[in-house]
């Protein structure tokens, strides 16, 4: 199966060391978070926490549907990831599709 553009950009983030995976690791960050990636299978409490972090960082959020975030980043049980590079975050946002959808409010 061919990778989407967004997934390729996520791979670039991983190789550049600009992707932080996991709620606890993301919560310890203080600045330079440009995009949050949330797994569509995250629990209700995880979604609330992700929305809180989104407000704290003032950044966009993408929700993965039809594919888990752990498959995209290669980390087991990963439900949230933070992109810490502005240009890669813009590239991922520009490559949204039916799997990688931009969160615009409402239910996840």
PDB file of N, CA and C in Angstrom:
ATOM      1  N   UNK A   1       0.834  -1.180   0.000  1.00  0.00           N
ATOM      2  CA  UNK A   1       0.000   0.000   0.000  1.00  0.00           C
ATOM      3  C   UNK A   1       0.881   1.248   0.000  1.00  0.00           C
ATOM      4  N   UNK A   2       0.513   2.205  -0.815  1.00  0.00           N
ATOM      5  CA  UNK A   2       1.282   3.423  -0.953  1.00  0.00           C
ATOM      6  C   UNK A   2       1.004   4.376   0.205  1.00  0.00           C
ATOM      7  N   UNK A   3       2.051   5.047   0.658  1.00  0.00           N
ATOM      8  CA  UNK A   3       1.908   6.008   1.748  1.00  0.00           C
ATOM      9  C   UNK A   3       1.363   7.319   1.209  1.00  0.00           C
ATOM     10  N   UNK A   4       0.581   7.983   2.052  1.00  0.00           N
ATOM     11  CA  UNK A   4       0.070   9.292   1.662  1.00  0.00           C
ATOM     12  C   UNK A   4       1.168  10.335   1.868  1.00  0.00           C
ATOM     13  N   UNK A   5       0.951  11.518   1.308  1.00  0.00           N
ATOM     14  CA  UNK A   5       1.923  12.603   1.468  1.00  0.00           C
ATOM     15  C   UNK A   5       2.082  12.976   2.935  1.00  0.00           C
ATOM     16  N   UNK A   6       0.955  13.055   3.646  1.00  0.00           N
ATOM     17  CA  UNK A   6       1.011  13.421   5.062  1.00  0.00           C
ATOM     18  C   UNK A   6       1.854  12.418   5.845  1.00  0.00           C
ATOM     19  N   UNK A   7       1.692  11.146   5.538  1.00  0.00           N
ATOM     20  CA  UNK A   7       2.464  10.118   6.236  1.00  0.00           C
ATOM     21  C   UNK A   7       3.956  10.221   5.903  1.00  0.00           C
ATOM     22  N   UNK A   8       4.275  10.596   4.688  1.00  0.00           N
ATOM     23  CA  UNK A   8       5.674  10.811   4.312  1.00  0.00           C
ATOM     24  C   UNK A   8       6.266  11.979   5.091  1.00  0.00           C
ATOM     25  N   UNK A   9       5.497  13.062   5.227  1.00  0.00           N
ATOM     26  CA  UNK A   9       5.971  14.209   6.003  1.00  0.00           C
ATOM     27  C   UNK A   9       6.148  13.848   7.478  1.00  0.00           C
ATOM     28  N   UNK A  10       5.278  12.998   8.007  1.00  0.00           N
ATOM     29  CA  UNK A  10       5.438  12.534   9.386  1.00  0.00           C
ATOM     30  C   UNK A  10       6.740  11.747   9.513  1.00  0.00           C
ATOM     31  N   UNK A  11       7.050  10.949   8.504  1.00  0.00           N
ATOM     32  CA  UNK A  11       8.323  10.227   8.495  1.00  0.00           C
ATOM     33  C   UNK A  11       9.510  11.172   8.506  1.00  0.00           C
ATOM     34  N   UNK A  12       9.403  12.288   7.772  1.00  0.00           N
ATOM     35  CA  UNK A  12      10.471  13.294   7.795  1.00  0.00           C
ATOM     36  C   UNK A  12      10.631  13.879   9.195  1.00  0.00           C
ATOM     37  N   UNK A  13       9.500  14.110   9.874  1.00  0.00           N
ATOM     38  CA  UNK A  13       9.545  14.629  11.252  1.00  0.00           C
ATOM     39  C   UNK A  13      10.275  13.670  12.174  1.00  0.00           C
ATOM     40  N   UNK A  14       9.981  12.392  12.022  1.00  0.00           N
ATOM     41  CA  UNK A  14      10.616  11.381  12.872  1.00  0.00           C
ATOM     42  C   UNK A  14      12.123  11.379  12.640  1.00  0.00           C
ATOM     43  N   UNK A  15      12.529  11.364  11.368  1.00  0.00           N
ATOM     44  CA  UNK A  15      13.958  11.321  11.054  1.00  0.00           C
ATOM     45  C   UNK A  15      14.674  12.594  11.491  1.00  0.00           C
ATOM     46  N   UNK A  16      13.975  13.717  11.473  1.00  0.00           N
ATOM     47  CA  UNK A  16      14.586  14.988  11.889  1.00  0.00           C
ATOM     48  C   UNK A  16      14.563  15.168  13.404  1.00  0.00           C
ATOM     49  N   UNK A  17      13.884  14.266  14.115  1.00  0.00           N
ATOM     50  CA  UNK A  17      13.793  14.397  15.571  1.00  0.00           C
ATOM     51  C   UNK A  17      12.843  15.494  15.998  1.00  0.00           C
ATOM     52  N   UNK A  18      11.863  15.810  15.171  1.00  0.00           N
ATOM     53  CA  UNK A  18      10.929  16.898  15.450  1.00  0.00           C
ATOM     54  C   UNK A  18       9.521  16.405  15.769  1.00  0.00           C
ATOM     55  N   UNK A  19       9.377  15.142  16.155  1.00  0.00           N
ATOM     56  CA  UNK A  19       8.075  14.588  16.515  1.00  0.00           C
ATOM     57  C   UNK A  19       8.153  14.053  17.936  1.00  0.00           C
ATOM     58  N   UNK A  20       7.271  14.528  18.791  1.00  0.00           N
ATOM     59  CA  UNK A  20       7.187  14.053  20.170  1.00  0.00           C
ATOM     60  C   UNK A  20       5.926  13.215  20.289  1.00  0.00           C
ATOM     61  N   UNK A  21       6.072  11.968  20.745  1.00  0.00           N
ATOM     62  CA  UNK A  21       4.951  11.030  20.823  1.00  0.00           C
ATOM     63  C   UNK A  21       4.538  10.789  22.270  1.00  0.00           C
ATOM     64  N   UNK A  22       3.227  10.742  22.500  1.00  0.00           N
ATOM     65  CA  UNK A  22       2.682  10.422  23.812  1.00  0.00           C
ATOM     66  C   UNK A  22       2.180  11.645  24.554  1.00  0.00           C
ATOM     67  N   UNK A  23       1.097  11.450  25.317  1.00  0.00           N
ATOM     68  CA  UNK A  23       0.480  12.559  26.048  1.00  0.00           C
ATOM     69  C   UNK A  23       1.425  13.159  27.070  1.00  0.00           C
ATOM     70  N   UNK A  24       2.101  12.316  27.847  1.00  0.00           N
ATOM     71  CA  UNK A  24       2.980  12.841  28.890  1.00  0.00           C
ATOM     72  C   UNK A  24       4.152  13.617  28.302  1.00  0.00           C
ATOM     73  N   UNK A  25       4.734  13.123  27.226  1.00  0.00           N
ATOM     74  CA  UNK A  25       5.861  13.807  26.597  1.00  0.00           C
ATOM     75  C   UNK A  25       5.420  15.137  25.986  1.00  0.00           C
ATOM     76  N   UNK A  26       4.256  15.153  25.355  1.00  0.00           N
ATOM     77  CA  UNK A  26       3.751  16.395  24.752  1.00  0.00           C
ATOM     78  C   UNK A  26       3.410  17.408  25.842  1.00  0.00           C
ATOM     79  N   UNK A  27       2.845  16.935  26.948  1.00  0.00           N
ATOM     80  CA  UNK A  27       2.454  17.842  28.035  1.00  0.00           C
ATOM     81  C   UNK A  27       3.663  18.514  28.674  1.00  0.00           C
ATOM     82  N   UNK A  28       4.846  17.919  28.587  1.00  0.00           N
ATOM     83  CA  UNK A  28       6.031  18.525  29.189  1.00  0.00           C
ATOM     84  C   UNK A  28       6.642  19.605  28.302  1.00  0.00           C
ATOM     85  N   UNK A  29       6.215  19.681  27.032  1.00  0.00           N
ATOM     86  CA  UNK A  29       6.741  20.709  26.136  1.00  0.00           C
ATOM     87  C   UNK A  29       6.200  22.077  26.533  1.00  0.00           C
ATOM     88  N   UNK A  30       7.004  23.114  26.313  1.00  0.00           N
ATOM     89  CA  UNK A  30       6.595  24.464  26.703  1.00  0.00           C
ATOM     90  C   UNK A  30       6.365  25.388  25.519  1.00  0.00           C
ATOM     91  N   UNK A  31       7.024  25.105  24.395  1.00  0.00           N
ATOM     92  CA  UNK A  31       6.889  25.976  23.232  1.00  0.00           C
ATOM     93  C   UNK A  31       7.256  25.196  21.981  1.00  0.00           C
ATOM     94  N   UNK A  32       7.141  25.855  20.852  1.00  0.00           N
ATOM     95  CA  UNK A  32       7.516  25.299  19.553  1.00  0.00           C
ATOM     96  C   UNK A  32       6.727  24.050  19.178  1.00  0.00           C
ATOM     97  N   UNK A  33       5.435  24.021  19.482  1.00  0.00           N
ATOM     98  CA  UNK A  33       4.542  22.972  18.996  1.00  0.00           C
ATOM     99  C   UNK A  33       3.655  23.625  17.944  1.00  0.00           C
ATOM    100  N   UNK A  34       3.743  23.118  16.721  1.00  0.00           N
ATOM    101  CA  UNK A  34       3.039  23.742  15.605  1.00  0.00           C
ATOM    102  C   UNK A  34       1.853  22.928  15.110  1.00  0.00           C
ATOM    103  N   UNK A  35       1.791  21.649  15.488  1.00  0.00           N
ATOM    104  CA  UNK A  35       0.702  20.793  15.035  1.00  0.00           C
ATOM    105  C   UNK A  35       0.586  19.594  15.960  1.00  0.00           C
ATOM    106  N   UNK A  36      -0.651  19.232  16.305  1.00  0.00           N
ATOM    107  CA  UNK A  36      -0.906  18.022  17.080  1.00  0.00           C
ATOM    108  C   UNK A  36      -1.572  16.999  16.173  1.00  0.00           C
ATOM    109  N   UNK A  37      -1.164  15.742  16.324  1.00  0.00           N
ATOM    110  CA  UNK A  37      -1.756  14.629  15.599  1.00  0.00           C
ATOM    111  C   UNK A  37      -2.459  13.741  16.610  1.00  0.00           C
ATOM    112  N   UNK A  38      -3.750  13.536  16.432  1.00  0.00           N
ATOM    113  CA  UNK A  38      -4.549  12.747  17.376  1.00  0.00           C
ATOM    114  C   UNK A  38      -5.113  11.531  16.671  1.00  0.00           C
ATOM    115  N   UNK A  39      -5.007  10.388  17.312  1.00  0.00           N
ATOM    116  CA  UNK A  39      -5.557   9.152  16.773  1.00  0.00           C
ATOM    117  C   UNK A  39      -7.080   9.175  16.924  1.00  0.00           C
ATOM    118  N   UNK A  40      -7.776   8.758  15.903  1.00  0.00           N
ATOM    119  CA  UNK A  40      -9.233   8.733  15.936  1.00  0.00           C
ATOM    120  C   UNK A  40      -9.794   7.734  16.923  1.00  0.00           C
ATOM    121  N   UNK A  41      -8.967   6.793  17.402  1.00  0.00           N
ATOM    122  CA  UNK A  41      -9.413   5.788  18.371  1.00  0.00           C
ATOM    123  C   UNK A  41      -9.149   6.212  19.810  1.00  0.00           C
ATOM    124  N   UNK A  42      -8.745   7.453  20.021  1.00  0.00           N
ATOM    125  CA  UNK A  42      -8.449   7.935  21.374  1.00  0.00           C
ATOM    126  C   UNK A  42      -9.729   7.991  22.210  1.00  0.00           C
ATOM    127  N   UNK A  43      -9.584   7.762  23.510  1.00  0.00           N
ATOM    128  CA  UNK A  43     -10.729   7.783  24.416  1.00  0.00           C
ATOM    129  C   UNK A  43     -11.248   9.203  24.602  1.00  0.00           C
ATOM    130  N   UNK A  44     -12.412   9.317  25.219  1.00  0.00           N
ATOM    131  CA  UNK A  44     -13.023  10.632  25.443  1.00  0.00           C
ATOM    132  C   UNK A  44     -12.137  11.514  26.310  1.00  0.00           C
ATOM    133  N   UNK A  45     -11.545  10.934  27.347  1.00  0.00           N
ATOM    134  CA  UNK A  45     -10.653  11.712  28.206  1.00  0.00           C
ATOM    135  C   UNK A  45      -9.392  12.143  27.455  1.00  0.00           C
ATOM    136  N   UNK A  46      -8.885  11.282  26.584  1.00  0.00           N
ATOM    137  CA  UNK A  46      -7.703  11.627  25.793  1.00  0.00           C
ATOM    138  C   UNK A  46      -8.021  12.772  24.846  1.00  0.00           C
ATOM    139  N   UNK A  47      -9.217  12.764  24.276  1.00  0.00           N
ATOM    140  CA  UNK A  47      -9.633  13.850  23.381  1.00  0.00           C
ATOM    141  C   UNK A  47      -9.714  15.161  24.149  1.00  0.00           C
ATOM    142  N   UNK A  48     -10.277  15.133  25.353  1.00  0.00           N
ATOM    143  CA  UNK A  48     -10.356  16.345  26.172  1.00  0.00           C
ATOM    144  C   UNK A  48      -8.972  16.891  26.481  1.00  0.00           C
ATOM    145  N   UNK A  49      -8.060  15.982  26.827  1.00  0.00           N
ATOM    146  CA  UNK A  49      -6.700  16.412  27.140  1.00  0.00           C
ATOM    147  C   UNK A  49      -6.014  16.977  25.893  1.00  0.00           C
ATOM    148  N   UNK A  50      -6.245  16.365  24.736  1.00  0.00           N
ATOM    149  CA  UNK A  50      -5.654  16.860  23.493  1.00  0.00           C
ATOM    150  C   UNK A  50      -6.188  18.250  23.152  1.00  0.00           C
ATOM    151  N   UNK A  51      -7.484  18.468  23.356  1.00  0.00           N
ATOM    152  CA  UNK A  51      -8.059  19.786  23.099  1.00  0.00           C
ATOM    153  C   UNK A  51      -7.489  20.827  24.059  1.00  0.00           C
ATOM    154  N   UNK A  52      -7.246  20.429  25.293  1.00  0.00           N
ATOM    155  CA  UNK A  52      -6.626  21.329  26.258  1.00  0.00           C
ATOM    156  C   UNK A  52      -5.205  21.700  25.818  1.00  0.00           C
ATOM    157  N   UNK A  53      -4.444  20.712  25.369  1.00  0.00           N
ATOM    158  CA  UNK A  53      -3.082  20.980  24.894  1.00  0.00           C
ATOM    159  C   UNK A  53      -3.109  21.843  23.628  1.00  0.00           C
ATOM    160  N   UNK A  54      -4.080  21.623  22.776  1.00  0.00           N
ATOM    161  CA  UNK A  54      -4.230  22.432  21.559  1.00  0.00           C
ATOM    162  C   UNK A  54      -4.440  23.897  21.931  1.00  0.00           C
ATOM    163  N   UNK A  55      -5.283  24.134  22.929  1.00  0.00           N
ATOM    164  CA  UNK A  55      -5.507  25.503  23.390  1.00  0.00           C
ATOM    165  C   UNK A  55      -4.271  26.104  24.027  1.00  0.00           C
ATOM    166  N   UNK A  56      -3.539  25.300  24.770  1.00  0.00           N
ATOM    167  CA  UNK A  56      -2.335  25.792  25.435  1.00  0.00           C
ATOM    168  C   UNK A  56      -1.259  26.193  24.431  1.00  0.00           C
ATOM    169  N   UNK A  57      -1.087  25.385  23.383  1.00  0.00           N
ATOM    170  CA  UNK A  57      -0.055  25.673  22.386  1.00  0.00           C
ATOM    171  C   UNK A  57      -0.545  26.607  21.291  1.00  0.00           C
ATOM    172  N   UNK A  58      -1.861  26.748  21.133  1.00  0.00           N
ATOM    173  CA  UNK A  58      -2.409  27.609  20.091  1.00  0.00           C
ATOM    174  C   UNK A  58      -2.091  27.105  18.695  1.00  0.00           C
ATOM    175  N   UNK A  59      -2.199  25.795  18.501  1.00  0.00           N
ATOM    176  CA  UNK A  59      -1.839  25.208  17.216  1.00  0.00           C
ATOM    177  C   UNK A  59      -3.015  24.445  16.611  1.00  0.00           C
ATOM    178  N   UNK A  60      -2.851  24.002  15.385  1.00  0.00           N
ATOM    179  CA  UNK A  60      -3.852  23.194  14.694  1.00  0.00           C
ATOM    180  C   UNK A  60      -3.762  21.749  15.180  1.00  0.00           C
ATOM    181  N   UNK A  61      -4.811  20.974  14.865  1.00  0.00           N
ATOM    182  CA  UNK A  61      -4.808  19.558  15.226  1.00  0.00           C
ATOM    183  C   UNK A  61      -5.383  18.753  14.069  1.00  0.00           C
ATOM    184  N   UNK A  62      -4.751  17.633  13.787  1.00  0.00           N
ATOM    185  CA  UNK A  62      -5.224  16.711  12.757  1.00  0.00           C
ATOM    186  C   UNK A  62      -5.654  15.431  13.437  1.00  0.00           C
ATOM    187  N   UNK A  63      -6.815  14.907  13.029  1.00  0.00           N
ATOM    188  CA  UNK A  63      -7.343  13.651  13.561  1.00  0.00           C
ATOM    189  C   UNK A  63      -7.207  12.592  12.478  1.00  0.00           C
ATOM    190  N   UNK A  64      -6.629  11.449  12.830  1.00  0.00           N
ATOM    191  CA  UNK A  64      -6.481  10.348  11.891  1.00  0.00           C
ATOM    192  C   UNK A  64      -7.717   9.475  11.949  1.00  0.00           C
ATOM    193  N   UNK A  65      -8.308   9.208  10.807  1.00  0.00           N
ATOM    194  CA  UNK A  65      -9.488   8.366  10.713  1.00  0.00           C
ATOM    195  C   UNK A  65      -9.188   7.230   9.737  1.00  0.00           C
ATOM    196  N   UNK A  66      -9.543   6.007  10.119  1.00  0.00           N
ATOM    197  CA  UNK A  66      -9.313   4.870   9.249  1.00  0.00           C
ATOM    198  C   UNK A  66      -7.908   4.300   9.352  1.00  0.00           C
ATOM    199  N   UNK A  67      -7.057   4.923  10.128  1.00  0.00           N
ATOM    200  CA  UNK A  67      -5.698   4.458  10.353  1.00  0.00           C
ATOM    201  C   UNK A  67      -5.282   4.934  11.735  1.00  0.00           C
ATOM    202  N   UNK A  68      -4.550   4.112  12.460  1.00  0.00           N
ATOM    203  CA  UNK A  68      -4.140   4.520  13.794  1.00  0.00           C
ATOM    204  C   UNK A  68      -2.841   5.321  13.721  1.00  0.00           C
ATOM    205  N   UNK A  69      -2.663   6.170  14.709  1.00  0.00           N
ATOM    206  CA  UNK A  69      -1.452   6.979  14.775  1.00  0.00           C
ATOM    207  C   UNK A  69      -0.234   6.098  15.027  1.00  0.00           C
ATOM    208  N   UNK A  70      -0.422   5.021  15.782  1.00  0.00           N
ATOM    209  CA  UNK A  70       0.714   4.146  16.052  1.00  0.00           C
ATOM    210  C   UNK A  70       1.246   3.514  14.766  1.00  0.00           C
ATOM    211  N   UNK A  71       0.384   3.255  13.783  1.00  0.00           N
ATOM    212  CA  UNK A  71       0.857   2.761  12.483  1.00  0.00           C
ATOM    213  C   UNK A  71       1.635   3.833  11.734  1.00  0.00           C
ATOM    214  N   UNK A  72       1.199   5.067  11.848  1.00  0.00           N
ATOM    215  CA  UNK A  72       1.843   6.163  11.123  1.00  0.00           C
ATOM    216  C   UNK A  72       3.212   6.511  11.703  1.00  0.00           C
ATOM    217  N   UNK A  73       3.350   6.441  13.034  1.00  0.00           N
ATOM    218  CA  UNK A  73       4.617   6.847  13.656  1.00  0.00           C
ATOM    219  C   UNK A  73       5.484   5.672  14.080  1.00  0.00           C
ATOM    220  N   UNK A  74       4.927   4.480  14.107  1.00  0.00           N
ATOM    221  CA  UNK A  74       5.711   3.307  14.477  1.00  0.00           C
ATOM    222  C   UNK A  74       5.942   3.137  15.962  1.00  0.00           C
ATOM    223  N   UNK A  75       5.111   3.752  16.785  1.00  0.00           N
ATOM    224  CA  UNK A  75       5.219   3.626  18.244  1.00  0.00           C
ATOM    225  C   UNK A  75       3.951   2.966  18.771  1.00  0.00           C
ATOM    226  N   UNK A  76       4.108   1.944  19.587  1.00  0.00           N
ATOM    227  CA  UNK A  76       2.961   1.218  20.124  1.00  0.00           C
ATOM    228  C   UNK A  76       2.134   2.108  21.049  1.00  0.00           C
ATOM    229  N   UNK A  77       0.811   2.008  20.941  1.00  0.00           N
ATOM    230  CA  UNK A  77      -0.144   2.719  21.793  1.00  0.00           C
ATOM    231  C   UNK A  77      -0.017   4.236  21.748  1.00  0.00           C
ATOM    232  N   UNK A  78       0.484   4.784  20.673  1.00  0.00           N
ATOM    233  CA  UNK A  78       0.617   6.239  20.531  1.00  0.00           C
ATOM    234  C   UNK A  78      -0.732   6.818  20.106  1.00  0.00           C
ATOM    235  N   UNK A  79      -1.274   7.721  20.906  1.00  0.00           N
ATOM    236  CA  UNK A  79      -2.554   8.354  20.602  1.00  0.00           C
ATOM    237  C   UNK A  79      -2.415   9.841  20.290  1.00  0.00           C
ATOM    238  N   UNK A  80      -1.282  10.451  20.645  1.00  0.00           N
ATOM    239  CA  UNK A  80      -1.062  11.872  20.396  1.00  0.00           C
ATOM    240  C   UNK A  80       0.402  12.098  20.054  1.00  0.00           C
ATOM    241  N   UNK A  81       0.635  12.963  19.086  1.00  0.00           N
ATOM    242  CA  UNK A  81       1.996  13.343  18.716  1.00  0.00           C
ATOM    243  C   UNK A  81       2.023  14.835  18.419  1.00  0.00           C
ATOM    244  N   UNK A  82       3.160  15.451  18.672  1.00  0.00           N
ATOM    245  CA  UNK A  82       3.334  16.886  18.443  1.00  0.00           C
ATOM    246  C   UNK A  82       4.440  17.104  17.422  1.00  0.00           C
ATOM    247  N   UNK A  83       4.154  17.905  16.408  1.00  0.00           N
ATOM    248  CA  UNK A  83       5.141  18.278  15.402  1.00  0.00           C
ATOM    249  C   UNK A  83       5.781  19.578  15.861  1.00  0.00           C
ATOM    250  N   UNK A  84       7.117  19.572  15.966  1.00  0.00           N
ATOM    251  CA  UNK A  84       7.838  20.725  16.500  1.00  0.00           C
ATOM    252  C   UNK A  84       8.627  21.485  15.433  1.00  0.00           C
ATOM    253  N   UNK A  85       8.255  21.330  14.181  1.00  0.00           N
ATOM    254  CA  UNK A  85       8.876  22.065  13.086  1.00  0.00           C
ATOM    255  C   UNK A  85       7.778  22.768  12.290  1.00  0.00           C
ATOM    256  N   UNK A  86       7.900  24.071  12.125  1.00  0.00           N
ATOM    257  CA  UNK A  86       6.848  24.854  11.484  1.00  0.00           C
ATOM    258  C   UNK A  86       6.632  24.453  10.024  1.00  0.00           C
ATOM    259  N   UNK A  87       7.706  24.273   9.274  1.00  0.00           N
ATOM    260  CA  UNK A  87       7.574  23.951   7.855  1.00  0.00           C
ATOM    261  C   UNK A  87       6.982  22.559   7.640  1.00  0.00           C
ATOM    262  N   UNK A  88       7.381  21.597   8.440  1.00  0.00           N
ATOM    263  CA  UNK A  88       6.802  20.260   8.316  1.00  0.00           C
ATOM    264  C   UNK A  88       5.336  20.260   8.750  1.00  0.00           C
ATOM    265  N   UNK A  89       4.997  21.050   9.747  1.00  0.00           N
ATOM    266  CA  UNK A  89       3.597  21.155  10.164  1.00  0.00           C
ATOM    267  C   UNK A  89       2.751  21.737   9.033  1.00  0.00           C
ATOM    268  N   UNK A  90       3.245  22.768   8.368  1.00  0.00           N
ATOM    269  CA  UNK A  90       2.524  23.347   7.235  1.00  0.00           C
ATOM    270  C   UNK A  90       2.378  22.335   6.108  1.00  0.00           C
ATOM    271  N   UNK A  91       3.425  21.547   5.875  1.00  0.00           N
ATOM    272  CA  UNK A  91       3.369  20.540   4.814  1.00  0.00           C
ATOM    273  C   UNK A  91       2.336  19.465   5.129  1.00  0.00           C
ATOM    274  N   UNK A  92       2.290  19.030   6.370  1.00  0.00           N
ATOM    275  CA  UNK A  92       1.307  18.010   6.769  1.00  0.00           C
ATOM    276  C   UNK A  92      -0.102  18.580   6.639  1.00  0.00           C
ATOM    277  N   UNK A  93      -0.307  19.817   7.063  1.00  0.00           N
ATOM    278  CA  UNK A  93      -1.619  20.447   6.942  1.00  0.00           C
ATOM    279  C   UNK A  93      -2.050  20.592   5.479  1.00  0.00           C
ATOM    280  N   UNK A  94      -1.111  20.850   4.608  1.00  0.00           N
ATOM    281  CA  UNK A  94      -1.462  21.000   3.195  1.00  0.00           C
ATOM    282  C   UNK A  94      -1.748  19.656   2.526  1.00  0.00           C
ATOM    283  N   UNK A  95      -1.347  18.556   3.165  1.00  0.00           N
ATOM    284  CA  UNK A  95      -1.529  17.228   2.577  1.00  0.00           C
ATOM    285  C   UNK A  95      -2.679  16.461   3.227  1.00  0.00           C
ATOM    286  N   UNK A  96      -3.611  17.166   3.854  1.00  0.00           N
ATOM    287  CA  UNK A  96      -4.735  16.472   4.491  1.00  0.00           C
ATOM    288  C   UNK A  96      -5.588  15.781   3.437  1.00  0.00           C
ATOM    289  N   UNK A  97      -6.174  14.651   3.821  1.00  0.00           N
ATOM    290  CA  UNK A  97      -7.034  13.874   2.926  1.00  0.00           C
ATOM    291  C   UNK A  97      -8.122  13.214   3.757  1.00  0.00           C
ATOM    292  N   UNK A  98      -8.714  12.145   3.276  1.00  0.00           N
ATOM    293  CA  UNK A  98      -9.799  11.501   4.026  1.00  0.00           C
ATOM    294  C   UNK A  98      -9.314  10.788   5.285  1.00  0.00           C
ATOM    295  N   UNK A  99      -8.032  10.456   5.358  1.00  0.00           N
ATOM    296  CA  UNK A  99      -7.491   9.807   6.557  1.00  0.00           C
ATOM    297  C   UNK A  99      -6.981  10.856   7.541  1.00  0.00           C
ATOM    298  N   UNK A 100      -6.251  11.841   7.050  1.00  0.00           N
ATOM    299  CA  UNK A 100      -5.697  12.908   7.872  1.00  0.00           C
ATOM    300  C   UNK A 100      -6.603  14.131   7.720  1.00  0.00           C
ATOM    301  N   UNK A 101      -7.507  14.315   8.674  1.00  0.00           N
ATOM    302  CA  UNK A 101      -8.478  15.408   8.573  1.00  0.00           C
ATOM    303  C   UNK A 101      -8.177  16.491   9.616  1.00  0.00           C
ATOM    304  N   UNK A 102      -8.293  17.723   9.208  1.00  0.00           N
ATOM    305  CA  UNK A 102      -8.055  18.849  10.100  1.00  0.00           C
ATOM    306  C   UNK A 102      -9.227  18.987  11.065  1.00  0.00           C
ATOM    307  N   UNK A 103      -8.938  19.126  12.354  1.00  0.00           N
ATOM    308  CA  UNK A 103      -9.976  19.293  13.359  1.00  0.00           C
ATOM    309  C   UNK A 103     -10.481  20.725  13.311  1.00  0.00           C
ATOM    310  N   UNK A 104     -11.801  20.867  13.194  1.00  0.00           N
ATOM    311  CA  UNK A 104     -12.376  22.206  13.114  1.00  0.00           C
ATOM    312  C   UNK A 104     -13.467  22.404  14.170  1.00  0.00           C
ATOM    313  N   UNK A 105     -13.422  21.658  15.227  1.00  0.00           N
ATOM    314  CA  UNK A 105     -14.389  21.786  16.293  1.00  0.00           C
ATOM    315  C   UNK A 105     -15.428  20.675  16.240  1.00  0.00           C
ATOM    316  N   UNK A 106     -16.151  20.516  17.317  1.00  0.00           N
ATOM    317  CA  UNK A 106     -17.191  19.496  17.376  1.00  0.00           C
ATOM    318  C   UNK A 106     -16.672  18.166  17.880  1.00  0.00           C
ATOM    319  N   UNK A 107     -17.450  17.127  17.653  1.00  0.00           N
ATOM    320  CA  UNK A 107     -17.083  15.779  18.114  1.00  0.00           C
ATOM    321  C   UNK A 107     -15.999  15.174  17.240  1.00  0.00           C
ATOM    322  N   UNK A 108     -15.194  14.342  17.868  1.00  0.00           N
ATOM    323  CA  UNK A 108     -14.119  13.658  17.130  1.00  0.00           C
ATOM    324  C   UNK A 108     -14.577  12.258  16.793  1.00  0.00           C
TER     325      UNK A 108
END
